[in-house]
Amino acid sequence: MTITTAQIRRKSDRAQRRSGISGTTSFLFVQVARYHRKRAGELLGDLGLHLGQEMILEALWTRGALSQSELAEHAGVRRATMTVALRPLEKAGLVERTCDPDDRRIMRVVATEKSLVLRPKVYAAWEKLNREMISNLDIDERRVFERALRKVRNTMRHQLA
């Protein structure tokens, strides 16, 4: 049997894909993260939110009033980025910013009553996203997947510390 040049090229292309970026776990992780982000954006968009705003609201819902600096640290962004991110939430009436009574230089951010109405809807959207994401995994695979994700997260957090 004679092997054609095209067959050799296809085998070489497959080998390169396996040995290049696209054959790595990191590449697969990035693909999953993109799909997850896109779907989360769709679900949150149905609620009038942009991706990332739910994380800000969640921090305020669970931790109460926070300074902008604390909120930025919690979200893993710079303070200037948080200032910009808060503007549409404040305009929509979902958060309020006030000066700290003890230190006027500090801005405190609090979730409004209006945002609290949105809370169960945001939680439902995330629950739906979670169900969709793991729908093809059985219970044992889900446990292994979650355990592996926690390990990866902790490893990456340690690398960045």
Protein backbone atom coordinates (compact mmCIF):
# COMPACT_ATOMS: atom_id res chain seq x y z
CA MET A 1 0.00 0.00 0.00
CA THR A 2 1.34 3.38 -1.01
CA ILE A 3 0.98 6.37 1.31
CA THR A 4 0.24 9.62 -0.47
CA THR A 5 1.74 12.99 0.30
CA ALA A 6 -1.69 14.22 1.44
CA GLN A 7 -1.92 11.36 3.97
CA ILE A 8 1.53 12.15 5.33
CA ARG A 9 0.57 15.84 5.61
CA ARG A 10 -2.66 14.97 7.49
CA LYS A 11 -0.74 12.75 9.93
CA SER A 12 1.80 15.51 10.45
CA ASP A 13 -1.00 18.07 11.02
CA ARG A 14 -2.64 15.80 13.62
CA ALA A 15 0.68 15.28 15.40
CA GLN A 16 1.33 19.03 15.46
CA ARG A 17 -2.15 19.70 16.89
CA ARG A 18 -1.50 17.19 19.66
CA SER A 19 1.91 18.68 20.44
CA GLY A 20 0.98 22.36 20.01
CA ILE A 21 -1.16 24.65 22.13
CA SER A 22 -4.45 23.16 20.96
CA GLY A 23 -3.60 19.76 22.39
CA THR A 24 -3.13 21.02 25.94
CA THR A 25 -5.37 20.96 28.97
CA SER A 26 -5.00 24.74 29.20
CA PHE A 27 -6.37 25.16 25.68
CA LEU A 28 -9.35 22.95 26.52
CA PHE A 29 -9.89 24.92 29.74
CA VAL A 30 -9.90 28.20 27.80
CA GLN A 31 -12.47 26.80 25.37
CA VAL A 32 -14.73 25.70 28.23
CA ALA A 33 -14.27 29.08 29.95
CA ARG A 34 -15.29 30.89 26.74
CA TYR A 35 -18.46 28.85 26.36
CA HIS A 36 -19.26 29.29 30.05
CA ARG A 37 -18.71 33.05 29.83
CA LYS A 38 -20.87 33.34 26.72
CA ARG A 39 -23.73 31.36 28.26
CA ALA A 40 -23.48 33.25 31.55
CA GLY A 41 -23.62 36.50 29.58
CA GLU A 42 -26.81 35.36 27.85
CA LEU A 43 -28.52 34.35 31.08
CA LEU A 44 -27.49 37.52 32.92
CA GLY A 45 -28.42 39.64 29.91
CA ASP A 46 -31.96 38.35 30.27
CA LEU A 47 -31.91 39.98 33.72
CA GLY A 48 -30.50 43.27 32.45
CA LEU A 49 -27.03 42.59 33.85
CA HIS A 50 -23.63 42.44 32.21
CA LEU A 51 -21.17 39.69 32.98
CA GLY A 52 -19.27 40.47 36.18
CA GLN A 53 -21.96 42.64 37.68
CA GLU A 54 -23.46 39.61 39.41
CA MET A 55 -20.15 39.06 41.19
CA ILE A 56 -20.18 42.60 42.57
CA LEU A 57 -23.78 42.22 43.69
CA GLU A 58 -23.06 38.82 45.23
CA ALA A 59 -20.23 40.27 47.31
CA LEU A 60 -22.53 43.03 48.57
CA TRP A 61 -25.45 40.65 49.18
CA THR A 62 -23.34 38.26 51.21
CA ARG A 63 -20.86 40.59 52.91
CA GLY A 64 -22.91 43.75 53.32
CA ALA A 65 -21.57 47.26 52.75
CA LEU A 66 -17.99 47.29 51.52
CA SER A 67 -15.54 49.99 50.62
CA GLN A 68 -14.74 50.27 46.93
CA SER A 69 -11.22 49.07 47.75
CA GLU A 70 -12.54 45.98 49.55
CA LEU A 71 -14.90 45.29 46.66
CA ALA A 72 -12.08 45.65 44.13
CA GLU A 73 -9.88 43.31 46.14
CA HIS A 74 -12.69 40.77 46.43
CA ALA A 75 -13.30 40.92 42.67
CA GLY A 76 -9.58 40.80 41.85
CA VAL A 77 -9.58 44.09 39.93
CA ARG A 78 -7.95 47.50 40.36
CA ARG A 79 -9.82 50.19 42.29
CA ALA A 80 -10.14 52.32 39.16
CA THR A 81 -11.74 49.38 37.34
CA MET A 82 -14.21 48.92 40.18
CA THR A 83 -15.11 52.62 40.07
CA VAL A 84 -16.04 52.26 36.40
CA ALA A 85 -17.86 48.94 37.00
CA LEU A 86 -20.04 50.48 39.72
CA ARG A 87 -21.36 53.34 37.59
CA PRO A 88 -23.96 51.36 35.60
CA LEU A 89 -25.04 49.47 38.72
CA GLU A 90 -25.52 52.76 40.53
CA LYS A 91 -27.33 54.28 37.55
CA ALA A 92 -29.67 51.26 37.48
CA GLY A 93 -30.38 51.76 41.18
CA LEU A 94 -28.84 48.43 42.18
CA VAL A 95 -26.09 49.87 44.39
CA GLU A 96 -25.52 53.08 46.30
CA ARG A 97 -22.20 54.74 47.10
CA THR A 98 -21.80 56.91 50.16
CA CYS A 99 -18.90 58.41 52.05
CA ASP A 100 -17.79 56.49 55.12
CA PRO A 101 -18.93 58.46 58.18
CA ASP A 102 -15.58 57.87 59.94
CA ASP A 103 -13.35 58.61 56.95
CA ARG A 104 -14.76 60.79 54.18
CA ARG A 105 -12.03 59.57 51.78
CA ILE A 106 -13.54 56.08 51.76
CA MET A 107 -16.54 55.30 49.56
CA ARG A 108 -18.86 52.60 50.90
CA VAL A 109 -20.96 50.57 48.50
CA VAL A 110 -24.20 48.91 49.50
CA ALA A 111 -26.74 46.79 47.59
CA THR A 112 -30.14 48.46 47.32
CA GLU A 113 -33.56 46.97 47.95
CA LYS A 114 -34.05 46.97 44.17
CA SER A 115 -31.05 44.67 43.80
CA LEU A 116 -32.43 42.30 46.42
CA VAL A 117 -35.42 41.65 44.14
CA LEU A 118 -32.92 40.54 41.48
CA ARG A 119 -31.02 38.23 43.85
CA PRO A 120 -33.15 35.08 43.47
CA LYS A 121 -33.21 35.56 39.69
CA VAL A 122 -29.41 35.81 39.57
CA TYR A 123 -29.10 32.71 41.72
CA ALA A 124 -31.57 30.88 39.46
CA ALA A 125 -29.56 31.88 36.37
CA TRP A 126 -26.34 30.58 37.93
CA GLU A 127 -28.06 27.38 38.99
CA LYS A 128 -29.31 26.90 35.43
CA LEU A 129 -25.82 27.55 34.08
CA ASN A 130 -24.37 25.05 36.52
CA ARG A 131 -26.95 22.39 35.60
CA GLU A 132 -26.28 22.92 31.89
CA MET A 133 -22.52 22.78 32.38
CA ILE A 134 -22.49 19.45 34.20
CA SER A 135 -25.55 17.85 32.62
CA ASN A 136 -23.50 15.16 30.84
CA LEU A 137 -21.60 14.14 33.98
CA ASP A 138 -22.77 11.46 36.37
CA ILE A 139 -22.58 12.08 40.12
CA ASP A 140 -19.11 10.55 40.49
CA GLU A 141 -17.76 12.53 37.55
CA ARG A 142 -19.23 15.73 39.06
CA ARG A 143 -17.42 15.12 42.35
CA VAL A 144 -14.12 14.40 40.59
CA PHE A 145 -14.57 17.43 38.31
CA GLU A 146 -15.29 19.79 41.22
CA ARG A 147 -12.38 18.42 43.24
CA ALA A 148 -10.04 18.80 40.25
CA LEU A 149 -11.25 22.36 39.60
CA ARG A 150 -10.61 23.32 43.23
CA LYS A 151 -7.09 21.90 43.02
CA VAL A 152 -6.39 23.76 39.78
CA ARG A 153 -7.81 26.99 41.21
CA ASN A 154 -5.70 26.69 44.34
CA THR A 155 -2.58 25.90 42.34
CA MET A 156 -3.11 28.90 40.08
CA ARG A 157 -3.89 31.16 43.05
CA HIS A 158 -0.64 30.04 44.67
CA GLN A 159 1.30 30.70 41.45
CA LEU A 160 -0.05 34.25 41.31
CA ALA A 161 0.53 35.04 45.00
